[in-house]
Amino acid sequence: MGILHWMGMISAVVFLVSSLLLSRLSTGEAHALTPRNVLICVMLLLTLISQFGMIPRMDAIRASIGEIDAAPVDLPARMQFDALHHWSTRIESGVLLFGLVVAYLTARFVSLT
């Protein structure tokens, strides 16, 4: 999952810079707080939380108990891993949903200029 997150973080920075440049070239001002730019920042923040907050904790649990699927479901470490995994899935789903909204907002902005 690490490479996917790094691709997302780099892409977010490139997209944000490009979005500000497009806004500057189209309207004469770089509008930093447009909904698409705010959503990109939220997506980046969620990706950072997942990469540097959740995944290291999940890796540590995985290292301490071995094969996750073989661990009993009532084992506290397994329960903690499962909870982190559920939150990780929710975060990734949120990033995907926000990305679709950003694509729509960007297409709409480009078609109006």
N, C-alpha and C. Protein backbone atom coordinates (compact mmCIF):
# COMPACT_ATOMS: atom_id res chain seq x y z
N MET A 1 0.83 -1.20 0.00
CA MET A 1 0.00 0.00 0.00
C MET A 1 0.87 1.25 0.00
N GLY A 2 2.11 1.15 0.41
CA GLY A 2 2.97 2.31 0.50
C GLY A 2 3.16 3.03 -0.82
N ILE A 3 3.41 2.30 -1.90
CA ILE A 3 3.64 2.94 -3.19
C ILE A 3 2.37 3.67 -3.65
N LEU A 4 1.22 3.10 -3.38
CA LEU A 4 -0.04 3.75 -3.75
C LEU A 4 -0.20 5.08 -3.02
N HIS A 5 0.12 5.09 -1.74
CA HIS A 5 0.01 6.33 -0.98
C HIS A 5 1.01 7.37 -1.47
N TRP A 6 2.25 6.94 -1.76
CA TRP A 6 3.24 7.89 -2.25
C TRP A 6 2.82 8.47 -3.59
N MET A 7 2.26 7.63 -4.45
CA MET A 7 1.75 8.13 -5.73
C MET A 7 0.64 9.15 -5.50
N GLY A 8 -0.23 8.87 -4.53
CA GLY A 8 -1.32 9.79 -4.21
C GLY A 8 -0.82 11.10 -3.64
N MET A 9 0.18 11.04 -2.78
CA MET A 9 0.71 12.28 -2.18
C MET A 9 1.39 13.15 -3.24
N ILE A 10 2.20 12.53 -4.07
CA ILE A 10 2.87 13.29 -5.13
C ILE A 10 1.85 13.85 -6.11
N SER A 11 0.87 13.03 -6.48
CA SER A 11 -0.17 13.48 -7.42
C SER A 11 -0.97 14.63 -6.83
N ALA A 12 -1.24 14.59 -5.54
CA ALA A 12 -2.01 15.66 -4.90
C ALA A 12 -1.25 16.98 -4.98
N VAL A 13 0.04 16.94 -4.72
CA VAL A 13 0.84 18.17 -4.79
C VAL A 13 0.89 18.69 -6.23
N VAL A 14 1.12 17.80 -7.19
CA VAL A 14 1.15 18.21 -8.60
C VAL A 14 -0.21 18.77 -9.02
N PHE A 15 -1.29 18.11 -8.63
CA PHE A 15 -2.63 18.57 -8.99
C PHE A 15 -2.92 19.93 -8.36
N LEU A 16 -2.55 20.09 -7.10
CA LEU A 16 -2.81 21.35 -6.41
C LEU A 16 -2.06 22.51 -7.07
N VAL A 17 -0.80 22.30 -7.38
CA VAL A 17 -0.02 23.33 -8.06
C VAL A 17 -0.62 23.62 -9.43
N SER A 18 -0.99 22.58 -10.16
CA SER A 18 -1.60 22.75 -11.49
C SER A 18 -2.94 23.48 -11.40
N SER A 19 -3.72 23.15 -10.39
CA SER A 19 -5.01 23.79 -10.21
C SER A 19 -4.85 25.27 -9.92
N LEU A 20 -3.89 25.60 -9.07
CA LEU A 20 -3.63 27.01 -8.77
C LEU A 20 -3.14 27.75 -10.02
N LEU A 21 -2.30 27.10 -10.79
CA LEU A 21 -1.80 27.71 -12.02
C LEU A 21 -2.92 27.89 -13.03
N LEU A 22 -3.79 26.88 -13.19
CA LEU A 22 -4.92 26.99 -14.10
C LEU A 22 -5.83 28.14 -13.69
N SER A 23 -6.11 28.24 -12.41
CA SER A 23 -6.95 29.32 -11.90
C SER A 23 -6.31 30.67 -12.17
N ARG A 24 -5.02 30.75 -11.95
CA ARG A 24 -4.29 32.02 -12.17
C ARG A 24 -4.33 32.41 -13.65
N LEU A 25 -4.12 31.44 -14.53
CA LEU A 25 -4.12 31.73 -15.96
C LEU A 25 -5.52 32.05 -16.49
N SER A 26 -6.54 31.43 -15.89
CA SER A 26 -7.91 31.61 -16.37
C SER A 26 -8.58 32.87 -15.85
N THR A 27 -8.32 33.19 -14.59
CA THR A 27 -9.05 34.30 -13.96
C THR A 27 -8.13 35.44 -13.53
N GLY A 28 -6.84 35.24 -13.60
CA GLY A 28 -5.92 36.28 -13.16
C GLY A 28 -5.53 36.18 -11.70
N GLU A 29 -6.19 35.29 -10.95
CA GLU A 29 -5.88 35.08 -9.54
C GLU A 29 -5.81 33.59 -9.25
N ALA A 30 -4.91 33.22 -8.35
CA ALA A 30 -4.84 31.83 -7.91
C ALA A 30 -5.78 31.67 -6.72
N HIS A 31 -6.93 31.11 -6.95
CA HIS A 31 -7.92 30.93 -5.89
C HIS A 31 -7.61 29.66 -5.12
N ALA A 32 -6.96 29.82 -3.97
CA ALA A 32 -6.51 28.66 -3.20
C ALA A 32 -7.65 27.93 -2.51
N LEU A 33 -8.69 28.64 -2.14
CA LEU A 33 -9.76 28.01 -1.35
C LEU A 33 -10.97 27.59 -2.16
N THR A 34 -10.75 27.23 -3.41
CA THR A 34 -11.86 26.69 -4.19
C THR A 34 -12.20 25.30 -3.66
N PRO A 35 -13.42 24.85 -3.87
CA PRO A 35 -13.78 23.52 -3.35
C PRO A 35 -12.84 22.41 -3.83
N ARG A 36 -12.43 22.45 -5.10
CA ARG A 36 -11.56 21.37 -5.59
C ARG A 36 -10.20 21.39 -4.88
N ASN A 37 -9.66 22.57 -4.60
CA ASN A 37 -8.38 22.65 -3.90
C ASN A 37 -8.50 22.22 -2.45
N VAL A 38 -9.58 22.59 -1.82
CA VAL A 38 -9.82 22.17 -0.43
C VAL A 38 -9.96 20.65 -0.36
N LEU A 39 -10.70 20.08 -1.32
CA LEU A 39 -10.86 18.62 -1.33
C LEU A 39 -9.53 17.91 -1.59
N ILE A 40 -8.71 18.48 -2.46
CA ILE A 40 -7.39 17.89 -2.69
C ILE A 40 -6.58 17.89 -1.40
N CYS A 41 -6.64 18.99 -0.66
CA CYS A 41 -5.93 19.06 0.62
C CYS A 41 -6.48 18.05 1.62
N VAL A 42 -7.79 17.87 1.65
CA VAL A 42 -8.41 16.87 2.53
C VAL A 42 -7.96 15.47 2.11
N MET A 43 -7.95 15.20 0.81
CA MET A 43 -7.49 13.90 0.32
C MET A 43 -6.04 13.66 0.71
N LEU A 44 -5.21 14.68 0.58
CA LEU A 44 -3.81 14.55 0.95
C LEU A 44 -3.67 14.29 2.44
N LEU A 45 -4.41 15.02 3.25
CA LEU A 45 -4.37 14.82 4.70
C LEU A 45 -4.80 13.40 5.08
N LEU A 46 -5.87 12.91 4.49
CA LEU A 46 -6.33 11.56 4.78
C LEU A 46 -5.30 10.51 4.37
N THR A 47 -4.66 10.74 3.24
CA THR A 47 -3.62 9.82 2.78
C THR A 47 -2.42 9.84 3.73
N LEU A 48 -2.05 11.02 4.19
CA LEU A 48 -0.95 11.12 5.15
C LEU A 48 -1.29 10.40 6.46
N ILE A 49 -2.52 10.56 6.93
CA ILE A 49 -2.96 9.88 8.15
C ILE A 49 -2.86 8.37 7.98
N SER A 50 -3.33 7.90 6.83
CA SER A 50 -3.29 6.47 6.57
C SER A 50 -1.86 5.96 6.49
N GLN A 51 -1.03 6.66 5.71
CA GLN A 51 0.34 6.20 5.48
C GLN A 51 1.22 6.27 6.73
N PHE A 52 1.13 7.35 7.47
CA PHE A 52 2.05 7.55 8.58
C PHE A 52 1.43 7.31 9.95
N GLY A 53 0.13 7.14 10.02
CA GLY A 53 -0.53 6.89 11.30
C GLY A 53 -1.07 5.48 11.42
N MET A 54 -1.86 5.08 10.45
CA MET A 54 -2.55 3.81 10.57
C MET A 54 -1.70 2.61 10.12
N ILE A 55 -1.07 2.74 8.98
CA ILE A 55 -0.33 1.60 8.43
C ILE A 55 0.82 1.17 9.34
N PRO A 56 1.59 2.09 9.91
CA PRO A 56 2.64 1.62 10.83
C PRO A 56 2.07 0.86 12.04
N ARG A 57 0.93 1.31 12.53
CA ARG A 57 0.30 0.61 13.66
C ARG A 57 -0.18 -0.77 13.23
N MET A 58 -0.76 -0.86 12.03
CA MET A 58 -1.22 -2.16 11.52
C MET A 58 -0.03 -3.08 11.28
N ASP A 59 1.07 -2.55 10.75
CA ASP A 59 2.27 -3.36 10.52
C ASP A 59 2.84 -3.88 11.83
N ALA A 60 2.83 -3.03 12.87
CA ALA A 60 3.35 -3.45 14.18
C ALA A 60 2.50 -4.58 14.76
N ILE A 61 1.19 -4.47 14.63
CA ILE A 61 0.30 -5.53 15.12
C ILE A 61 0.53 -6.81 14.33
N ARG A 62 0.64 -6.66 13.02
CA ARG A 62 0.88 -7.82 12.15
C ARG A 62 2.19 -8.52 12.53
N ALA A 63 3.21 -7.74 12.82
CA ALA A 63 4.51 -8.31 13.21
C ALA A 63 4.42 -9.02 14.57
N SER A 64 3.59 -8.49 15.46
CA SER A 64 3.51 -9.08 16.80
C SER A 64 2.70 -10.37 16.84
N ILE A 65 1.71 -10.52 15.96
CA ILE A 65 0.88 -11.73 16.03
C ILE A 65 1.04 -12.64 14.83
N GLY A 66 1.83 -12.23 13.85
CA GLY A 66 2.05 -13.09 12.68
C GLY A 66 0.90 -12.99 11.69
N GLU A 67 0.52 -14.13 11.17
CA GLU A 67 -0.54 -14.18 10.15
C GLU A 67 -1.87 -13.72 10.76
N ILE A 68 -2.38 -12.62 10.24
CA ILE A 68 -3.62 -12.03 10.78
C ILE A 68 -4.79 -12.99 10.67
N ASP A 69 -4.93 -13.61 9.51
CA ASP A 69 -6.09 -14.49 9.29
C ASP A 69 -6.07 -15.72 10.19
N ALA A 70 -4.88 -16.09 10.67
CA ALA A 70 -4.79 -17.26 11.55
C ALA A 70 -5.04 -16.90 13.01
N ALA A 71 -4.99 -15.62 13.34
CA ALA A 71 -5.20 -15.20 14.73
C ALA A 71 -6.68 -15.28 15.09
N PRO A 72 -6.99 -15.69 16.32
CA PRO A 72 -8.39 -15.75 16.75
C PRO A 72 -9.03 -14.35 16.71
N VAL A 73 -10.29 -14.31 16.30
CA VAL A 73 -10.97 -13.02 16.15
C VAL A 73 -11.20 -12.33 17.49
N ASP A 74 -11.16 -13.06 18.60
CA ASP A 74 -11.35 -12.44 19.91
C ASP A 74 -10.03 -12.02 20.57
N LEU A 75 -8.92 -12.21 19.89
CA LEU A 75 -7.62 -11.76 20.39
C LEU A 75 -7.60 -10.23 20.33
N PRO A 76 -7.25 -9.57 21.46
CA PRO A 76 -7.30 -8.09 21.46
C PRO A 76 -6.49 -7.44 20.34
N ALA A 77 -5.32 -7.99 20.05
CA ALA A 77 -4.51 -7.41 18.97
C ALA A 77 -5.22 -7.57 17.63
N ARG A 78 -5.86 -8.71 17.42
CA ARG A 78 -6.60 -8.94 16.16
C ARG A 78 -7.78 -7.97 16.08
N MET A 79 -8.46 -7.74 17.19
CA MET A 79 -9.59 -6.80 17.20
C MET A 79 -9.11 -5.39 16.89
N GLN A 80 -7.95 -5.01 17.45
CA GLN A 80 -7.40 -3.70 17.17
C GLN A 80 -7.01 -3.59 15.69
N PHE A 81 -6.40 -4.64 15.15
CA PHE A 81 -6.03 -4.65 13.74
C PHE A 81 -7.27 -4.51 12.86
N ASP A 82 -8.29 -5.28 13.16
CA ASP A 82 -9.52 -5.22 12.37
C ASP A 82 -10.16 -3.83 12.41
N ALA A 83 -10.14 -3.21 13.59
CA ALA A 83 -10.70 -1.86 13.71
C ALA A 83 -9.89 -0.87 12.86
N LEU A 84 -8.57 -0.96 12.93
CA LEU A 84 -7.72 -0.09 12.11
C LEU A 84 -7.95 -0.35 10.62
N HIS A 85 -8.09 -1.61 10.27
CA HIS A 85 -8.33 -1.96 8.86
C HIS A 85 -9.66 -1.39 8.37
N HIS A 86 -10.67 -1.45 9.20
CA HIS A 86 -11.97 -0.87 8.82
C HIS A 86 -11.86 0.63 8.61
N TRP A 87 -11.15 1.30 9.53
CA TRP A 87 -10.96 2.75 9.37
C TRP A 87 -10.12 3.07 8.15
N SER A 88 -9.13 2.25 7.89
CA SER A 88 -8.29 2.45 6.71
C SER A 88 -9.13 2.33 5.44
N THR A 89 -10.01 1.35 5.42
CA THR A 89 -10.90 1.17 4.26
C THR A 89 -11.84 2.36 4.11
N ARG A 90 -12.36 2.86 5.20
CA ARG A 90 -13.23 4.04 5.15
C ARG A 90 -12.47 5.26 4.62
N ILE A 91 -11.25 5.43 5.09
CA ILE A 91 -10.44 6.57 4.64
C ILE A 91 -10.19 6.46 3.14
N GLU A 92 -9.80 5.27 2.68
CA GLU A 92 -9.53 5.09 1.25
C GLU A 92 -10.80 5.30 0.43
N SER A 93 -11.94 4.87 0.93
CA SER A 93 -13.20 5.10 0.24
C SER A 93 -13.52 6.59 0.17
N GLY A 94 -13.25 7.31 1.24
CA GLY A 94 -13.45 8.75 1.26
C GLY A 94 -12.56 9.45 0.25
N VAL A 95 -11.30 9.03 0.18
CA VAL A 95 -10.36 9.63 -0.78
C VAL A 95 -10.87 9.38 -2.20
N LEU A 96 -11.35 8.18 -2.47
CA LEU A 96 -11.89 7.87 -3.79
C LEU A 96 -13.10 8.74 -4.11
N LEU A 97 -14.02 8.86 -3.18
CA LEU A 97 -15.21 9.68 -3.39
C LEU A 97 -14.85 11.15 -3.62
N PHE A 98 -13.96 11.68 -2.79
CA PHE A 98 -13.53 13.07 -2.97
C PHE A 98 -12.83 13.25 -4.31
N GLY A 99 -12.07 12.25 -4.73
CA GLY A 99 -11.41 12.31 -6.03
C GLY A 99 -12.39 12.42 -7.17
N LEU A 100 -13.49 11.68 -7.08
CA LEU A 100 -14.52 11.76 -8.12
C LEU A 100 -15.16 13.15 -8.14
N VAL A 101 -15.38 13.71 -6.96
CA VAL A 101 -15.94 15.07 -6.88
C VAL A 101 -14.95 16.08 -7.46
N VAL A 102 -13.68 15.92 -7.15
CA VAL A 102 -12.65 16.82 -7.69
C VAL A 102 -12.60 16.72 -9.21
N ALA A 103 -12.69 15.52 -9.75
CA ALA A 103 -12.68 15.35 -11.21
C ALA A 103 -13.87 16.08 -11.83
N TYR A 104 -15.04 15.95 -11.20
CA TYR A 104 -16.23 16.65 -11.71
C TYR A 104 -16.05 18.17 -11.63
N LEU A 105 -15.60 18.66 -10.49
CA LEU A 105 -15.42 20.11 -10.32
C LEU A 105 -14.39 20.67 -11.29
N THR A 106 -13.33 19.91 -11.51
CA THR A 106 -12.30 20.36 -12.45
C THR A 106 -12.83 20.38 -13.87
N ALA A 107 -13.54 19.35 -14.27
CA ALA A 107 -14.11 19.30 -15.62
C ALA A 107 -15.11 20.44 -15.81
N ARG A 108 -15.90 20.71 -14.82
CA ARG A 108 -16.86 21.80 -14.90
C ARG A 108 -16.15 23.15 -15.02
N PHE A 109 -15.09 23.34 -14.23
CA PHE A 109 -14.33 24.59 -14.28
C PHE A 109 -13.69 24.77 -15.65
N VAL A 110 -13.09 23.73 -16.18
CA VAL A 110 -12.42 23.83 -17.46
C VAL A 110 -13.43 24.10 -18.58
N SER A 111 -14.62 23.49 -18.48
CA SER A 111 -15.61 23.70 -19.54
C SER A 111 -16.20 25.11 -19.49
N LEU A 112 -16.14 25.75 -18.33
CA LEU A 112 -16.68 27.11 -18.20
C LEU A 112 -15.68 28.18 -18.61
N THR A 113 -14.41 27.83 -18.69
CA THR A 113 -13.40 28.85 -19.01
C THR A 113 -13.09 28.89 -20.49
